Amino acid sequence: MSTQFRLGDLEIHRVIEEETPLFDPLEFFPSLTREVLEENLPWLEQGAIDRATGKLRLCIQSYLVRTPHHTILVDTCVGNHKPRPARPFWHMKTADTWERNLAATGVSVNDIDYVMCTHLHVDHVGWNTRLENGRWVPTFPRAKYVFGEKEYAYWEAEHARAPNPVIEDSVLPVVAAGQAQMVRTDAALNDHVRLIPTPGHTPDHYAVELGKGETTGVLTGDLIHSPLQARYPELSMRADTDQAQSAVTRRRFLEHQCDSGRLLCTAHFPSPSTGHLTRWGDGFRFMPTSA
């Protein structure tokens, strides 16, 4: 299965850190009932749910976008050597999978012009920094890191109230190095890349529209985690800062994208992670792209 594709004059690579069964769907989606889950298992077990464990199969990945003028990395996964005791499967990782997959694109850390973090959660900021002589330093020495200004303000305040290792080791060192670029989440990065505000999962979460002039693809970030949420847009996940807002944002976004021809590039859907939307009753069906 290829992890590289093109959208017009954009070259895009999925840079995968891991793809594995991670969470019980009934815990991940607090409002999901066992009856609804069982009703949908026949199609979910074709890839979205692991038959053996019953857990949601999720991909943790970055998107590398090469425009005619810039090389952009969107979201940076979990990272290595990060203390994450609350999530043992992400605690003090040492695997070189993500680094090898980035190298396979032909791009090095020195080639990245922008790092865009759709939001500041643990699995989207990890490779922002690396450990060097006992200090956390930016992994991408030439890059500007694009953070939503309200997103950063929210997590900075939360960190001041209750220290958060994710902010401490993967966000603040970028700010201290002078490499953070705080933006409104309705801004254009360049003539091929635009941010659109998609709040709910976090206060200032953004998605990324791709295409010169006409939008041909969208990087969703975490406004949606599973194809089950396309079928039931009001199904919010447990870590959403505002579950009601998340549901409104997701419904509005999916309505706008449905039957548009735009390619949805999801953060966490199992491979191939990309696809298109069609109607399915009161919800939507995610149609994965062919391998």
Protein backbone atom coordinates (compact mmCIF):
# COMPACT_ATOMS: atom_id res chain seq x y z
CA MET A 1 0.00 0.00 0.00
CA SER A 2 1.39 3.36 -1.04
CA THR A 3 1.62 6.13 1.55
CA GLN A 4 2.34 8.76 -1.12
CA PHE A 5 -0.17 10.54 -3.36
CA ARG A 6 -0.65 13.77 -5.27
CA LEU A 7 -3.29 16.48 -5.22
CA GLY A 8 -2.67 18.70 -8.22
CA ASP A 9 0.79 20.19 -7.75
CA LEU A 10 1.03 18.99 -4.14
CA GLU A 11 2.99 15.89 -3.17
CA ILE A 12 1.73 14.30 0.05
CA HIS A 13 3.15 11.51 2.20
CA ARG A 14 1.67 9.78 5.21
CA VAL A 15 4.43 9.38 7.81
CA ILE A 16 3.20 6.62 10.10
CA GLU A 17 4.42 6.17 13.66
CA GLU A 18 2.15 3.25 14.53
CA GLU A 19 -1.10 1.59 13.49
CA THR A 20 -2.57 -0.71 16.09
CA PRO A 21 -5.68 -1.55 18.17
CA LEU A 22 -5.66 0.96 21.03
CA PHE A 23 -8.99 1.71 22.74
CA ASP A 24 -12.26 0.02 23.69
CA PRO A 25 -14.91 1.78 21.55
CA LEU A 26 -17.43 1.95 24.41
CA GLU A 27 -14.86 3.76 26.56
CA PHE A 28 -13.56 5.93 23.73
CA PHE A 29 -17.08 7.08 22.78
CA PRO A 30 -18.98 7.57 26.08
CA SER A 31 -22.41 7.92 24.44
CA LEU A 32 -22.02 4.85 22.22
CA THR A 33 -24.35 2.02 23.23
CA ARG A 34 -23.50 -1.65 22.95
CA GLU A 35 -26.56 -2.13 20.72
CA VAL A 36 -25.40 0.47 18.19
CA LEU A 37 -21.87 -0.91 18.29
CA GLU A 38 -23.03 -4.47 17.61
CA GLU A 39 -25.32 -3.29 14.81
CA ASN A 40 -22.31 -1.76 13.05
CA LEU A 41 -19.71 -4.44 13.77
CA PRO A 42 -20.04 -6.18 10.38
CA TRP A 43 -18.57 -3.19 8.55
CA LEU A 44 -16.41 -1.88 11.40
CA GLU A 45 -14.58 -5.21 11.60
CA GLN A 46 -13.45 -4.76 8.01
CA GLY A 47 -10.70 -2.49 9.33
CA ALA A 48 -11.88 0.06 11.89
CA ILE A 49 -12.18 -2.42 14.77
CA ASP A 50 -9.78 -5.26 15.43
CA ARG A 51 -11.68 -8.56 15.52
CA ALA A 52 -9.29 -10.24 17.95
CA THR A 53 -9.32 -7.54 20.64
CA GLY A 54 -12.51 -5.61 19.90
CA LYS A 55 -10.51 -2.38 20.10
CA LEU A 56 -10.54 0.56 17.72
CA ARG A 57 -7.74 0.28 15.22
CA LEU A 58 -6.11 3.70 15.00
CA CYS A 59 -3.26 5.13 12.97
CA ILE A 60 -0.87 7.62 14.58
CA GLN A 61 0.71 9.59 11.74
CA SER A 62 1.91 12.88 10.31
CA TYR A 63 1.21 14.27 6.86
CA LEU A 64 4.12 15.66 4.88
CA VAL A 65 2.94 18.17 2.27
CA ARG A 66 5.31 19.45 -0.41
CA THR A 67 4.02 22.56 -2.17
CA PRO A 68 5.89 24.30 -5.01
CA HIS A 69 7.41 26.62 -2.38
CA HIS A 70 7.38 24.91 1.04
CA THR A 71 7.75 21.59 2.78
CA ILE A 72 5.19 21.29 5.56
CA LEU A 73 4.72 18.67 8.27
CA VAL A 74 1.24 18.45 9.78
CA ASP A 75 1.11 16.96 13.30
CA THR A 76 4.03 15.14 14.87
CA CYS A 77 2.65 12.04 16.62
CA VAL A 78 3.87 10.81 20.03
CA GLY A 79 7.65 11.06 19.81
CA ASN A 80 10.44 9.26 21.65
CA HIS A 81 11.69 9.40 25.25
CA LYS A 82 8.55 11.25 26.37
CA PRO A 83 7.27 10.41 29.88
CA ARG A 84 3.62 9.42 29.42
CA PRO A 85 2.80 7.19 32.43
CA ALA A 86 -0.95 7.72 31.98
CA ARG A 87 -0.68 5.99 28.59
CA PRO A 88 1.72 3.06 29.04
CA PHE A 89 1.69 2.22 25.33
CA TRP A 90 3.16 5.70 24.59
CA HIS A 91 5.44 5.95 27.63
CA MET A 92 9.16 6.46 26.92
CA LYS A 93 8.98 5.15 23.36
CA THR A 94 12.25 4.32 21.61
CA ALA A 95 11.05 2.97 18.25
CA ASP A 96 12.61 4.46 15.11
CA THR A 97 9.55 3.80 12.91
CA TRP A 98 8.54 7.43 12.46
CA GLU A 99 12.10 8.58 11.76
CA ARG A 100 12.58 5.82 9.18
CA ASN A 101 9.29 6.64 7.49
CA LEU A 102 10.17 10.34 7.33
CA ALA A 103 13.55 9.48 5.80
CA ALA A 104 11.79 7.28 3.23
CA THR A 105 10.06 10.39 1.85
CA GLY A 106 13.45 11.85 0.92
CA VAL A 107 12.98 14.70 3.39
CA SER A 108 15.18 15.37 6.42
CA VAL A 109 14.39 17.34 9.56
CA ASN A 110 16.41 20.21 8.08
CA ASP A 111 14.12 20.42 5.04
CA ILE A 112 10.92 21.23 6.95
CA ASP A 113 9.78 24.85 6.57
CA TYR A 114 6.62 24.64 8.69
CA VAL A 115 5.30 22.28 11.34
CA MET A 116 1.55 22.66 11.71
CA CYS A 117 -0.04 21.30 14.89
CA THR A 118 -3.80 21.03 14.42
CA HIS A 119 -4.01 21.01 18.22
CA LEU A 120 -1.73 20.44 21.19
CA HIS A 121 -2.56 16.89 22.30
CA VAL A 122 -0.03 14.20 23.17
CA ASP A 123 -0.20 12.35 19.84
CA HIS A 124 0.10 15.48 17.69
CA VAL A 125 3.12 17.26 19.17
CA GLY A 126 5.56 14.54 20.23
CA TRP A 127 8.19 14.87 17.52
CA ASN A 128 8.11 18.67 17.88
CA THR A 129 11.13 18.15 20.11
CA ARG A 130 13.92 15.67 20.68
CA LEU A 131 16.19 15.02 23.62
CA GLU A 132 19.69 16.47 23.22
CA ASN A 133 22.17 16.36 26.12
CA GLY A 134 19.30 16.14 28.59
CA ARG A 135 17.36 19.08 27.08
CA TRP A 136 14.31 19.17 24.85
CA VAL A 137 15.13 21.05 21.65
CA PRO A 138 13.12 21.58 18.44
CA THR A 139 13.48 18.60 16.11
CA PHE A 140 13.18 20.78 13.00
CA PRO A 141 15.80 23.53 13.32
CA ARG A 142 14.66 25.66 10.35
CA ALA A 143 10.92 25.31 10.82
CA LYS A 144 8.31 27.66 12.10
CA TYR A 145 5.80 25.77 14.26
CA VAL A 146 2.24 26.93 13.56
CA PHE A 147 0.06 26.90 16.70
CA GLY A 148 -3.46 28.28 17.01
CA GLU A 149 -3.08 31.36 19.21
CA LYS A 150 -6.13 30.55 21.37
CA GLU A 151 -5.10 26.88 21.50
CA TYR A 152 -1.70 27.79 22.89
CA ALA A 153 -3.16 30.29 25.36
CA TYR A 154 -5.58 27.66 26.66
CA TRP A 155 -2.95 24.97 27.22
CA GLU A 156 -0.44 27.44 28.65
CA ALA A 157 -3.01 28.45 31.27
CA GLU A 158 -3.93 24.82 31.98
CA HIS A 159 -0.25 23.97 32.37
CA ALA A 160 0.18 26.82 34.86
CA ARG A 161 -2.67 25.39 36.95
CA ALA A 162 -1.63 21.74 36.71
CA PRO A 163 1.70 20.87 35.06
CA ASN A 164 1.28 18.92 31.83
CA PRO A 165 4.33 17.00 30.59
CA VAL A 166 3.09 17.22 27.00
CA ILE A 167 3.21 21.02 27.08
CA GLU A 168 6.41 21.01 29.13
CA ASP A 169 8.48 18.82 26.80
CA SER A 170 6.87 19.24 23.38
CA VAL A 171 5.47 22.78 23.18
CA LEU A 172 7.25 25.18 25.54
CA PRO A 173 10.76 24.35 24.21
CA VAL A 174 9.58 25.41 20.75
CA VAL A 175 8.32 28.72 22.13
CA ALA A 176 11.54 29.24 24.09
CA ALA A 177 13.56 28.68 20.92
CA GLY A 178 11.61 31.44 19.14
CA GLN A 179 10.25 29.03 16.53
CA ALA A 180 6.53 29.22 17.39
CA GLN A 181 4.22 31.14 15.07
CA MET A 182 0.87 31.87 16.74
CA VAL A 183 -1.93 32.27 14.20
CA ARG A 184 -5.65 32.76 13.94
CA THR A 185 -7.18 29.49 12.85
CA ASP A 186 -8.89 31.05 9.85
CA ALA A 187 -5.59 32.12 8.28
CA ALA A 188 -3.87 31.15 5.03
CA LEU A 189 -0.34 29.80 5.36
CA ASN A 190 0.35 30.23 1.65
CA ASP A 191 -1.53 30.00 -1.66
CA HIS A 192 -1.91 26.21 -1.31
CA VAL A 193 -2.54 25.76 2.42
CA ARG A 194 -5.30 27.29 4.54
CA LEU A 195 -6.40 26.78 8.14
CA ILE A 196 -10.08 26.42 9.02
CA PRO A 197 -11.34 26.60 12.62
CA THR A 198 -12.87 23.32 13.83
CA PRO A 199 -13.29 23.75 17.60
CA GLY A 200 -14.61 21.17 20.02
CA HIS A 201 -11.99 18.48 20.35
CA THR A 202 -9.87 21.30 21.72
CA PRO A 203 -10.74 25.00 22.01
CA ASP A 204 -8.86 26.21 18.90
CA HIS A 205 -8.45 23.02 16.87
CA TYR A 206 -7.95 23.62 13.16
CA ALA A 207 -8.21 21.54 10.00
CA VAL A 208 -6.06 22.20 6.93
CA GLU A 209 -7.43 22.83 3.44
CA LEU A 210 -5.17 22.00 0.51
CA GLY A 211 -5.24 23.23 -3.08
CA LYS A 212 -4.46 26.36 -5.05
CA GLY A 213 -7.65 28.31 -5.61
CA GLU A 214 -10.03 25.38 -5.27
CA THR A 215 -9.82 23.07 -2.26
CA THR A 216 -9.05 19.52 -3.37
CA GLY A 217 -8.21 17.94 -0.01
CA VAL A 218 -8.60 18.50 3.73
CA LEU A 219 -6.46 17.27 6.60
CA THR A 220 -9.03 16.70 9.34
CA GLY A 221 -6.88 16.54 12.45
CA ASP A 222 -8.95 15.20 15.34
CA LEU A 223 -12.36 16.57 14.49
CA ILE A 224 -13.09 12.91 13.66
CA HIS A 225 -11.33 9.77 14.91
CA SER A 226 -13.23 6.84 13.43
CA PRO A 227 -15.49 6.05 10.46
CA LEU A 228 -18.16 5.35 13.08
CA GLN A 229 -18.35 9.10 13.71
CA ALA A 230 -19.08 9.68 10.05
CA ARG A 231 -22.05 7.33 10.37
CA TYR A 232 -23.07 9.08 13.62
CA PRO A 233 -21.65 12.65 13.61
CA GLU A 234 -23.02 13.41 17.08
CA LEU A 235 -20.83 10.67 18.58
CA SER A 236 -18.09 12.55 20.44
CA MET A 237 -14.99 11.01 22.00
CA ARG A 238 -13.97 11.12 25.63
CA ALA A 239 -11.06 13.57 25.31
CA ASP A 240 -13.07 16.29 23.56
CA THR A 241 -12.79 19.52 25.54
CA ASP A 242 -16.38 20.36 24.55
CA GLN A 243 -18.29 17.30 23.33
CA ALA A 244 -21.37 19.28 22.28
CA GLN A 245 -19.29 21.74 20.25
CA SER A 246 -17.33 18.86 18.76
CA ALA A 247 -20.55 17.26 17.52
CA VAL A 248 -21.77 20.52 15.96
CA THR A 249 -18.40 21.10 14.28
CA ARG A 250 -18.23 17.55 12.94
CA ARG A 251 -21.78 17.60 11.54
CA ARG A 252 -21.18 20.95 9.84
CA PHE A 253 -17.82 19.84 8.45
CA LEU A 254 -19.11 16.52 7.11
CA GLU A 255 -22.14 18.18 5.50
CA HIS A 256 -19.80 20.59 3.74
CA GLN A 257 -17.43 17.87 2.51
CA CYS A 258 -20.00 15.25 1.49
CA ASP A 259 -20.15 14.57 -2.26
CA SER A 260 -17.73 17.47 -2.83
CA GLY A 261 -15.03 15.37 -4.47
CA ARG A 262 -12.53 16.60 -1.88
CA LEU A 263 -10.16 14.03 -0.45
CA LEU A 264 -10.40 13.70 3.32
CA CYS A 265 -7.03 12.93 4.89
CA THR A 266 -7.80 11.74 8.40
CA ALA A 267 -5.37 11.63 11.28
CA HIS A 268 -6.43 8.37 12.89
CA PHE A 269 -8.52 6.24 10.53
CA PRO A 270 -6.81 2.94 9.72
CA SER A 271 -4.93 2.74 6.44
CA PRO A 272 -5.34 4.05 3.84
CA SER A 273 -6.72 6.87 6.10
CA THR A 274 -7.85 8.88 3.06
CA GLY A 275 -11.19 8.79 1.28
CA HIS A 276 -14.40 10.53 0.29
CA LEU A 277 -17.80 10.98 1.90
CA THR A 278 -21.22 9.93 0.64
CA ARG A 279 -24.63 10.07 2.32
CA TRP A 280 -25.73 7.26 4.61
CA GLY A 281 -29.13 7.90 6.14
CA ASP A 282 -28.83 10.82 8.52
CA GLY A 283 -25.06 10.42 8.52
CA PHE A 284 -22.23 9.72 6.13
CA ARG A 285 -20.24 6.83 4.76
CA PHE A 286 -16.47 7.14 4.54
CA MET A 287 -15.27 5.52 1.33
CA PRO A 288 -11.53 4.75 1.60
CA THR A 289 -9.32 5.34 -1.40
CA SER A 290 -8.10 2.26 -3.22
CA ALA A 291 -4.69 0.93 -2.34
